[in-house]
Amino acid sequence: MIVVDHLNFPKVEALEVEIVERKGVGHPDTMCDGIAEATSVALCRYYEREFGRVLHYNLDKALLVGGRTISHFGGGEMLDPILFMLVGRATLDVANRRVPIEELYREAAAAWIAGHFRHLDPERHMRFQCVIRPGSADLVDLFQRATTTPLANDTSFGVGYAPLTRLERVVYETERFLNSEPLKATYPEIGEDIKVMGMRRGEDIALTVAIAFVSAHVRDLSDYQEKKQAIQSEIAHFAEQLVEHPVTVHVNPADDEAKGSVYLTLTGTSAEAGDDGQVGRGNRVNGLITPFRPMSLEATAGKNPISHVGKLYNITARRIAEQVLEEIEEVEEAYCYILSQIGRPITQPQVVNLKLRARRLTRGLRGRASQLAMAKLDELPSLWRRLIEGEISVY
């Protein structure tokens, strides 16, 4: 059932205040999402290669226990490593063959860390634990029962919207700019753990940016102060180009420079000493945390991409909203809500509710929007391939 109706609440951009957050790739919560999803992809590929199809699993529970370090200008020492624990359910035995889940996890985790960090060594700085057990009989049976179209393994909802506001765009792009290779070639002291919190009051935008500085690239307090000021200027210039409006930027405002207390890390992430992490506490599928928008609390990372609607529907709701906005000129803004029912084909949700902002919702417009939504639902059984190829991000 597809219901198309009016979007009757105000535009977020029209509100007096807006808040948006993005946790960068080195944030402990994003690390949990990244490693859980990397393991999910590795397991999918293994199942397909060895058994010809993806089998039942869900690896969407992970916990990062921060380590303990001593950091100082020019270097430091790790006293206790970061502990990363992956918990979930999977098909572990197939025709008397044991699935090497722990090896797949450790290889995927190490590769993900190596691909995203310059100073965090998974061998020296981290320890990995894996508690993966077989799935419950009813959910395994539900997964195996599907013949052509997968059956939803949960009763859950997904939500998406388009377009992004100016603040959402600037928060998202600012973190990507700071974690980009060209900028780090100029400022190697920028660690991967970056959090951007944006606030808009009327037309005024302020960004509070937490950056884990890498101690090996900072000589002393004076050097830290100079580099922080230079990076703050880079952020302001970059953000102002995006919004064509002055942007106030604060970098590491918790620093007490008079006492020499600054945000300095050995590895480029607060996970080494200052913070813990968990799957699902970070960015939604659009890469943002947006308290002024509807959001699902589902953790998308690590979920089975074949039938777990907590993953598939959040991705698809966003894709539908973006497609409607792109294809139908009269639509200014679109929200999409999709609700599943466990045991039903993933292409047949209980309801798809499209809320559109348009001058007039004619019968023709409703029909075109419904057709676009149906087309995206029809793509659900093959969406998993794009996910395991890395074409769609879930965090």
Protein backbone atom coordinates (compact mmCIF):
# COMPACT_ATOMS: atom_id res chain seq x y z
CA MET A 1 0.00 0.00 0.00
CA ILE A 2 1.41 3.38 -1.04
CA VAL A 3 -0.10 6.51 0.51
CA VAL A 4 0.89 9.90 -0.91
CA ASP A 5 -0.18 12.93 1.07
CA HIS A 6 0.76 16.51 1.91
CA LEU A 7 3.86 17.38 3.88
CA ASN A 8 2.17 19.69 6.34
CA PHE A 9 4.91 20.52 8.84
CA PRO A 10 7.34 23.42 8.36
CA LYS A 11 10.55 23.19 6.42
CA VAL A 12 13.47 22.65 8.77
CA GLU A 13 15.24 25.57 7.05
CA ALA A 14 12.33 27.80 8.07
CA LEU A 15 12.76 27.02 11.76
CA GLU A 16 14.63 29.48 13.96
CA VAL A 17 17.05 26.81 15.22
CA GLU A 18 18.52 23.70 13.59
CA ILE A 19 21.11 21.21 14.92
CA VAL A 20 23.04 18.65 12.86
CA GLU A 21 25.90 16.30 13.78
CA ARG A 22 28.32 14.03 11.92
CA LYS A 23 30.75 11.61 13.50
CA GLY A 24 33.86 11.08 11.37
CA VAL A 25 35.39 7.78 10.39
CA GLY A 26 37.70 7.74 13.42
CA HIS A 27 34.98 8.26 16.01
CA PRO A 28 34.55 5.13 18.18
CA ASP A 29 30.88 4.78 17.19
CA THR A 30 31.72 5.03 13.49
CA MET A 31 34.53 2.54 13.96
CA CYS A 32 31.96 0.08 15.33
CA ASP A 33 29.68 0.66 12.35
CA GLY A 34 32.56 0.36 9.92
CA ILE A 35 33.99 -2.88 11.28
CA ALA A 36 30.56 -4.50 11.70
CA GLU A 37 29.66 -3.64 8.11
CA ALA A 38 33.05 -4.75 6.78
CA THR A 39 32.59 -8.12 8.51
CA SER A 40 29.07 -8.38 7.13
CA VAL A 41 30.36 -7.82 3.60
CA ALA A 42 33.16 -10.36 4.08
CA LEU A 43 30.69 -12.98 5.35
CA CYS A 44 28.28 -12.30 2.46
CA ARG A 45 31.07 -12.83 -0.05
CA TYR A 46 32.23 -15.99 1.68
CA TYR A 47 28.73 -17.49 1.75
CA GLU A 48 28.14 -16.70 -1.91
CA ARG A 49 31.55 -18.00 -3.01
CA GLU A 50 31.45 -21.21 -0.98
CA PHE A 51 27.74 -22.09 -0.96
CA GLY A 52 26.25 -20.20 -3.89
CA ARG A 53 23.98 -17.99 -1.78
CA VAL A 54 24.01 -15.71 1.25
CA LEU A 55 22.88 -17.55 4.38
CA HIS A 56 21.20 -16.29 7.54
CA TYR A 57 23.20 -13.95 9.78
CA ASN A 58 23.15 -10.60 11.59
CA LEU A 59 26.30 -8.96 12.95
CA ASP A 60 24.87 -5.63 14.10
CA LYS A 61 26.07 -5.69 17.70
CA ALA A 62 29.56 -4.41 18.44
CA LEU A 63 31.26 -2.68 21.34
CA LEU A 64 34.51 -0.77 21.41
CA VAL A 65 36.17 -0.50 24.82
CA GLY A 66 38.59 2.39 24.79
CA GLY A 67 42.23 1.79 25.59
CA ARG A 68 44.67 3.71 27.75
CA THR A 69 47.51 5.85 26.44
CA ILE A 70 49.95 8.52 27.46
CA SER A 71 50.26 11.16 24.76
CA HIS A 72 52.71 14.03 24.72
CA PHE A 73 54.01 16.46 22.15
CA GLY A 74 56.06 14.48 19.67
CA GLY A 75 54.80 11.02 20.60
CA GLY A 76 53.36 8.83 23.34
CA GLU A 77 52.79 5.27 24.49
CA MET A 78 49.82 2.91 24.54
CA LEU A 79 49.45 1.25 27.93
CA ASP A 80 46.27 -0.80 27.31
CA PRO A 81 45.04 -1.63 23.80
CA ILE A 82 41.59 -0.88 22.43
CA LEU A 83 39.26 -3.87 22.79
CA PHE A 84 36.77 -4.48 19.98
CA MET A 85 33.99 -7.03 20.53
CA LEU A 86 31.69 -8.26 17.75
CA VAL A 87 28.51 -10.08 18.76
CA GLY A 88 25.88 -11.59 16.52
CA ARG A 89 24.23 -14.60 14.94
CA ALA A 90 25.28 -16.51 11.85
CA THR A 91 25.05 -19.81 10.00
CA LEU A 92 28.24 -21.45 11.24
CA ASP A 93 28.00 -25.01 9.91
CA VAL A 94 26.96 -26.01 6.41
CA ALA A 95 27.05 -29.66 5.33
CA ASN A 96 29.64 -30.49 7.99
CA ARG A 97 31.77 -27.52 6.93
CA ARG A 98 32.67 -24.93 9.56
CA VAL A 99 32.39 -21.28 8.51
CA PRO A 100 35.61 -19.50 9.62
CA ILE A 101 33.73 -16.59 11.11
CA GLU A 102 36.44 -15.45 13.51
CA GLU A 103 39.08 -15.38 10.79
CA LEU A 104 36.76 -13.46 8.48
CA TYR A 105 36.05 -10.95 11.25
CA ARG A 106 39.69 -10.38 12.18
CA GLU A 107 40.77 -9.98 8.55
CA ALA A 108 37.90 -7.60 7.76
CA ALA A 109 38.52 -5.54 10.90
CA ALA A 110 42.25 -5.24 10.28
CA ALA A 111 41.69 -4.29 6.64
CA TRP A 112 39.10 -1.67 7.56
CA ILE A 113 41.41 -0.09 10.16
CA ALA A 114 44.34 -0.13 7.74
CA GLY A 115 42.19 1.49 5.05
CA HIS A 116 40.96 4.34 7.24
CA PHE A 117 43.74 5.15 9.73
CA ARG A 118 47.34 6.28 9.36
CA HIS A 119 48.55 5.86 12.95
CA LEU A 120 46.30 3.18 14.45
CA ASP A 121 47.89 -0.27 14.08
CA PRO A 122 45.35 -3.11 14.55
CA GLU A 123 48.14 -5.49 15.56
CA ARG A 124 49.80 -3.29 18.18
CA HIS A 125 46.96 -1.05 19.34
CA MET A 126 43.87 -3.29 19.27
CA ARG A 127 42.55 -6.63 20.49
CA PHE A 128 39.60 -8.38 18.85
CA GLN A 129 36.99 -10.69 20.37
CA CYS A 130 34.20 -12.50 18.56
CA VAL A 131 31.06 -14.01 20.06
CA ILE A 132 29.00 -15.26 17.12
CA ARG A 133 26.42 -17.97 17.72
CA PRO A 134 23.82 -19.73 15.54
CA GLY A 135 20.57 -17.91 14.84
CA SER A 136 17.27 -18.86 16.41
CA ALA A 137 15.45 -21.68 14.63
CA ASP A 138 12.41 -19.59 13.68
CA LEU A 139 14.43 -16.80 12.05
CA VAL A 140 16.69 -19.26 10.25
CA ASP A 141 13.60 -21.06 8.95
CA LEU A 142 12.06 -17.74 7.85
CA PHE A 143 15.23 -16.86 5.95
CA GLN A 144 15.37 -20.26 4.23
CA ARG A 145 11.65 -20.25 3.44
CA ALA A 146 11.99 -17.55 0.79
CA THR A 147 12.19 -18.86 -2.78
CA THR A 148 12.37 -15.81 -5.05
CA THR A 149 11.74 -12.72 -2.94
CA PRO A 150 13.28 -12.57 0.55
CA LEU A 151 10.89 -12.39 3.49
CA ALA A 152 11.21 -9.59 6.03
CA ASN A 153 12.92 -10.90 9.16
CA ASP A 154 11.56 -8.16 11.40
CA THR A 155 8.67 -5.77 11.81
CA SER A 156 10.45 -2.48 11.50
CA PHE A 157 10.34 0.88 9.74
CA GLY A 158 12.67 2.98 7.65
CA VAL A 159 12.58 6.68 6.99
CA GLY A 160 14.31 9.01 4.56
CA TYR A 161 14.02 12.52 3.20
CA ALA A 162 15.30 14.92 0.54
CA PRO A 163 16.77 17.42 0.01
CA LEU A 164 19.38 18.17 2.67
CA THR A 165 19.34 21.58 4.31
CA ARG A 166 22.28 23.97 3.99
CA LEU A 167 23.40 23.08 7.50
CA GLU A 168 23.18 19.34 6.80
CA ARG A 169 25.30 19.76 3.67
CA VAL A 170 27.93 21.87 5.37
CA VAL A 171 28.26 19.51 8.36
CA TYR A 172 28.55 16.46 6.11
CA GLU A 173 31.02 18.01 3.70
CA THR A 174 33.16 19.63 6.39
CA GLU A 175 33.96 16.30 8.02
CA ARG A 176 34.75 14.77 4.62
CA PHE A 177 36.99 17.73 3.83
CA LEU A 178 38.91 17.35 7.10
CA ASN A 179 39.37 13.61 6.56
CA SER A 180 40.41 14.01 2.93
CA GLU A 181 43.85 12.98 1.72
CA PRO A 182 44.72 16.37 0.14
CA LEU A 183 44.11 18.26 3.39
CA LYS A 184 46.02 15.73 5.47
CA ALA A 185 48.96 16.01 3.10
CA THR A 186 49.13 19.65 4.22
CA TYR A 187 48.05 19.06 7.82
CA PRO A 188 49.20 15.55 8.84
CA GLU A 189 48.42 16.40 12.47
CA ILE A 190 44.70 15.97 11.76
CA GLY A 191 43.59 12.61 13.17
CA GLU A 192 40.70 10.55 11.85
CA ASP A 193 38.48 11.10 14.89
CA ILE A 194 36.56 14.21 13.88
CA LYS A 195 33.12 15.25 15.06
CA VAL A 196 31.30 18.19 13.50
CA MET A 197 28.35 19.69 15.36
CA GLY A 198 26.46 22.34 13.46
CA MET A 199 23.98 24.85 14.78
CA ARG A 200 21.94 27.36 12.80
CA ARG A 201 20.16 30.28 14.45
CA GLY A 202 18.23 32.13 11.79
CA GLU A 203 20.81 32.67 9.04
CA ASP A 204 23.82 32.33 11.33
CA ILE A 205 25.74 29.03 11.27
CA ALA A 206 28.23 27.90 13.89
CA LEU A 207 30.34 24.75 13.71
CA THR A 208 31.95 23.14 16.72
CA VAL A 209 34.61 20.74 15.50
CA ALA A 210 36.44 18.20 17.64
CA ILE A 211 39.70 17.06 16.03
CA ALA A 212 42.00 14.45 17.56
CA PHE A 213 45.45 15.87 16.84
CA VAL A 214 48.21 13.31 16.23
CA SER A 215 50.99 13.88 18.74
CA ALA A 216 53.81 12.80 16.41
CA HIS A 217 53.08 15.81 14.21
CA VAL A 218 52.92 18.45 16.97
CA ARG A 219 56.20 19.70 18.46
CA ASP A 220 54.96 21.74 21.41
CA LEU A 221 52.10 23.88 22.68
CA SER A 222 52.97 26.80 20.45
CA ASP A 223 53.01 24.50 17.41
CA TYR A 224 49.63 23.07 18.45
CA GLN A 225 48.13 26.54 18.77
CA GLU A 226 49.41 27.63 15.37
CA LYS A 227 48.21 24.49 13.65
CA LYS A 228 44.80 24.61 15.31
CA GLN A 229 44.34 28.20 14.20
CA ALA A 230 45.37 27.35 10.64
CA ILE A 231 42.94 24.42 10.48
CA GLN A 232 40.16 26.56 11.94
CA SER A 233 40.73 29.09 9.15
CA GLU A 234 40.64 26.29 6.56
CA ILE A 235 37.29 25.07 7.91
CA ALA A 236 35.77 28.54 7.91
CA HIS A 237 36.88 29.19 4.35
CA PHE A 238 35.58 25.81 3.15
CA ALA A 239 32.21 26.12 4.93
CA GLU A 240 31.61 29.69 3.78
CA GLN A 241 32.09 28.64 0.17
CA LEU A 242 29.34 26.04 0.61
CA VAL A 243 26.74 28.31 2.20
CA GLU A 244 27.86 31.67 0.76
CA HIS A 245 27.54 33.15 4.22
CA PRO A 246 29.96 33.76 7.14
CA VAL A 247 30.35 30.70 9.38
CA THR A 248 31.61 30.75 12.96
CA VAL A 249 34.02 27.89 13.67
CA HIS A 250 35.28 26.59 17.01
CA VAL A 251 37.96 23.86 17.04
CA ASN A 252 38.56 21.87 20.23
CA PRO A 253 36.98 24.46 22.55
CA ALA A 254 37.54 22.19 25.57
CA ASP A 255 41.28 22.86 25.36
CA ASP A 256 42.82 24.64 28.35
CA GLU A 257 45.88 25.95 26.58
CA ALA A 258 47.06 27.93 29.60
CA LYS A 259 47.51 24.63 31.43
CA GLY A 260 48.77 22.79 28.37
CA SER A 261 45.68 20.56 28.31
CA VAL A 262 44.85 19.97 24.64
CA TYR A 263 43.23 17.28 22.46
CA LEU A 264 46.31 15.24 21.64
CA THR A 265 46.30 11.54 20.69
CA LEU A 266 48.86 8.92 19.78
CA THR A 267 46.71 7.19 17.13
CA GLY A 268 44.31 9.86 15.85
CA THR A 269 41.23 8.59 17.71
CA SER A 270 39.76 9.13 21.16
CA ALA A 271 39.18 5.36 21.24
CA GLU A 272 42.76 5.02 22.47
CA ALA A 273 41.84 6.50 25.86
CA GLY A 274 38.95 8.92 26.00
CA ASP A 275 35.86 7.24 24.59
CA ASP A 276 34.08 3.95 23.92
CA GLY A 277 31.85 3.07 20.99
CA GLN A 278 28.84 1.04 19.92
CA VAL A 279 27.09 0.14 16.67
CA GLY A 280 24.05 2.27 15.90
CA ARG A 281 24.93 5.29 18.07
CA GLY A 282 26.37 7.30 15.22
CA ASN A 283 25.37 8.51 11.79
CA ARG A 284 22.19 7.36 10.08
CA VAL A 285 22.31 6.00 6.51
CA ASN A 286 22.64 9.53 5.09
CA GLY A 287 25.80 10.08 7.12
CA LEU A 288 24.22 12.50 9.58
CA ILE A 289 22.51 12.72 12.96
CA THR A 290 19.54 15.05 12.55
CA PRO A 291 17.35 15.62 15.64
CA PHE A 292 15.06 17.98 13.68
CA ARG A 293 14.20 15.20 11.20
CA PRO A 294 12.42 11.88 11.69
CA MET A 295 14.95 9.09 12.19
CA SER A 296 14.93 5.36 12.78
CA LEU A 297 16.97 4.09 15.72
CA GLU A 298 17.85 0.91 13.79
CA ALA A 299 21.54 0.12 13.52
CA THR A 300 22.01 -0.50 9.81
CA ALA A 301 25.66 -1.58 9.90
CA GLY A 302 26.26 -5.33 10.12
CA LYS A 303 22.68 -6.33 9.34
CA ASN A 304 22.01 -8.97 6.71
CA PRO A 305 21.41 -7.11 3.40
CA ILE A 306 19.19 -9.86 2.01
CA SER A 307 16.16 -9.63 4.29
CA HIS A 308 16.80 -7.32 7.24
CA VAL A 309 14.37 -4.48 6.67
CA GLY A 310 16.01 -2.44 9.43
CA LYS A 311 18.79 -1.97 6.90
CA LEU A 312 16.99 -2.19 3.57
CA TYR A 313 14.04 0.08 4.35
CA ASN A 314 16.12 2.95 5.74
CA ILE A 315 18.27 2.91 2.62
CA THR A 316 15.27 2.57 0.31
CA ALA A 317 13.21 5.28 2.02
CA ARG A 318 16.04 7.71 1.38
CA ARG A 319 16.39 6.54 -2.24
CA ILE A 320 12.66 6.97 -2.86
CA ALA A 321 12.62 10.49 -1.43
CA GLU A 322 15.64 11.49 -3.54
CA GLN A 323 14.17 9.93 -6.69
CA VAL A 324 10.82 11.68 -6.26
CA LEU A 325 12.54 15.02 -5.73
CA GLU A 326 14.73 14.49 -8.80
CA GLU A 327 12.01 13.24 -11.15
CA ILE A 328 8.99 15.35 -10.21
CA GLU A 329 9.63 19.04 -10.74
CA GLU A 330 6.63 20.18 -8.70
CA VAL A 331 7.91 18.54 -5.51
CA GLU A 332 10.01 20.80 -3.26
CA GLU A 333 10.60 18.33 -0.45
CA ALA A 334 9.89 14.65 0.19
CA TYR A 335 9.75 12.39 3.22
CA CYS A 336 9.30 8.64 2.94
CA TYR A 337 8.28 6.16 5.65
CA ILE A 338 8.22 2.38 5.04
CA LEU A 339 6.85 -0.20 7.49
CA SER A 340 7.48 -3.93 7.15
CA GLN A 341 5.79 -6.92 8.69
CA ILE A 342 7.86 -9.94 9.60
CA GLY A 343 7.30 -12.83 7.21
CA ARG A 344 6.02 -10.74 4.29
CA PRO A 345 8.06 -10.31 1.09
CA ILE A 346 10.41 -7.33 1.44
CA THR A 347 8.87 -5.86 -1.72
CA GLN A 348 5.44 -5.77 -0.05
CA PRO A 349 5.65 -3.52 3.03
CA GLN A 350 2.57 -2.86 5.11
CA VAL A 351 2.67 0.76 4.01
CA VAL A 352 4.79 3.28 2.18
CA ASN A 353 3.87 6.81 3.18
CA LEU A 354 5.21 9.55 0.95
CA LYS A 355 4.77 13.05 2.33
CA LEU A 356 5.39 15.64 -0.35
CA ARG A 357 5.66 19.41 -0.29
CA ALA A 358 4.08 20.67 -3.51
CA ARG A 359 1.67 23.43 -4.46
CA ARG A 360 -0.95 20.90 -5.55
CA LEU A 361 -1.00 17.14 -5.08
CA THR A 362 -2.87 16.20 -8.22
CA ARG A 363 -3.91 12.67 -9.05
CA GLY A 364 -1.22 12.56 -11.72
CA LEU A 365 1.50 13.67 -9.31
CA ARG A 366 0.44 11.08 -6.75
CA GLY A 367 0.50 8.43 -9.44
CA ARG A 368 4.00 9.34 -10.61
CA ALA A 369 5.30 9.36 -7.03
CA SER A 370 3.73 5.95 -6.38
CA GLN A 371 5.32 4.52 -9.53
CA LEU A 372 8.74 5.75 -8.50
CA ALA A 373 8.30 4.23 -5.05
CA MET A 374 7.20 0.90 -6.54
CA ALA A 375 10.24 0.84 -8.81
CA LYS A 376 12.57 1.23 -5.82
CA LEU A 377 10.72 -1.48 -3.89
CA ASP A 378 11.14 -3.82 -6.86
CA GLU A 379 14.91 -3.28 -6.64
CA LEU A 380 15.07 -4.51 -3.04
CA PRO A 381 15.91 -8.18 -3.81
CA SER A 382 19.05 -7.08 -5.70
CA LEU A 383 20.06 -4.17 -3.47
CA TRP A 384 22.39 -6.40 -1.44
CA ARG A 385 24.83 -6.64 -4.34
CA ARG A 386 25.32 -2.87 -4.40
CA LEU A 387 25.86 -2.95 -0.65
CA ILE A 388 28.56 -5.60 -0.70
CA GLU A 389 30.28 -3.80 -3.59
CA GLY A 390 30.48 -0.66 -1.46
CA GLU A 391 28.30 1.41 -3.77
CA ILE A 392 25.98 2.42 -0.91
CA SER A 393 27.17 3.59 2.48
CA VAL A 394 25.20 2.74 5.61
CA TYR A 395 26.91 5.20 7.96
